[in-house]
Protein backbone atom coordinates (compact mmCIF):
# COMPACT_ATOMS: atom_id res chain seq x y z
CA UNK A 1 18.16 28.70 0.22
CA UNK A 2 14.91 30.99 -0.07
CA UNK A 3 11.65 29.75 1.33
CA UNK A 4 10.53 29.02 -2.05
CA UNK A 5 13.69 26.09 -2.58
CA UNK A 6 12.77 24.77 0.49
CA UNK A 7 9.25 24.36 -0.38
CA UNK A 8 10.00 23.02 -3.68
CA UNK A 9 12.77 20.45 -2.17
CA UNK A 10 10.30 19.31 0.48
CA UNK A 11 7.25 18.47 -2.41
CA UNK A 12 9.75 16.82 -4.58
CA UNK A 13 10.41 14.18 -1.36
CA UNK A 14 7.03 13.79 -0.86
CA UNK A 15 6.40 13.26 -4.59
CA UNK A 16 9.45 10.74 -4.58
CA UNK A 17 8.07 8.80 -1.47
CA UNK A 18 4.49 8.78 -2.15
CA UNK A 19 3.43 8.74 -5.62
CA UNK A 20 2.97 5.38 -7.16
CA UNK A 21 3.81 6.79 -10.65
CA UNK A 22 7.35 7.85 -9.91
CA UNK A 23 10.38 5.40 -9.64
CA UNK A 24 12.14 5.36 -6.79
CA UNK A 25 15.58 7.03 -6.63
CA UNK A 26 17.23 6.75 -3.04
CA UNK A 27 20.18 8.75 -3.96
CA UNK A 28 17.66 12.05 -5.06
CA UNK A 29 15.71 11.46 -1.93
CA UNK A 30 18.47 11.03 -0.08
CA UNK A 31 20.36 14.52 -1.31
CA UNK A 32 17.26 16.36 -1.11
CA UNK A 33 16.73 15.73 2.66
CA UNK A 34 20.44 16.52 3.41
CA UNK A 35 19.99 20.24 2.12
CA UNK A 36 16.56 20.26 3.86
CA UNK A 37 18.29 19.16 6.66
CA UNK A 38 21.22 21.93 6.61
CA UNK A 39 18.93 24.23 6.38
CA UNK A 40 17.16 23.56 9.45
CA UNK A 41 20.11 22.51 11.72
CA UNK A 42 21.18 24.56 14.77
CA UNK A 43 23.31 27.91 13.61
CA UNK A 44 22.05 27.95 10.15
CA UNK A 45 19.08 30.90 10.76
CA UNK A 46 22.13 33.24 10.68
CA UNK A 47 22.95 32.14 7.36
CA UNK A 48 18.69 31.91 6.70
CA UNK A 49 18.84 36.08 6.39
CA UNK A 50 21.35 36.52 3.66
CA UNK A 51 19.92 34.13 1.35
């Protein structure tokens, strides 16, 4: 995941959780959080250089 993709996903989670005009979609929030957490997981640093 590139830095741009990461930032986009974090922004989308923020929007989904904090924008009162957006319908809550728990499955999408959890999916995005799982992707973000996978990137930040210990040992993921070696993969970041190749993406």
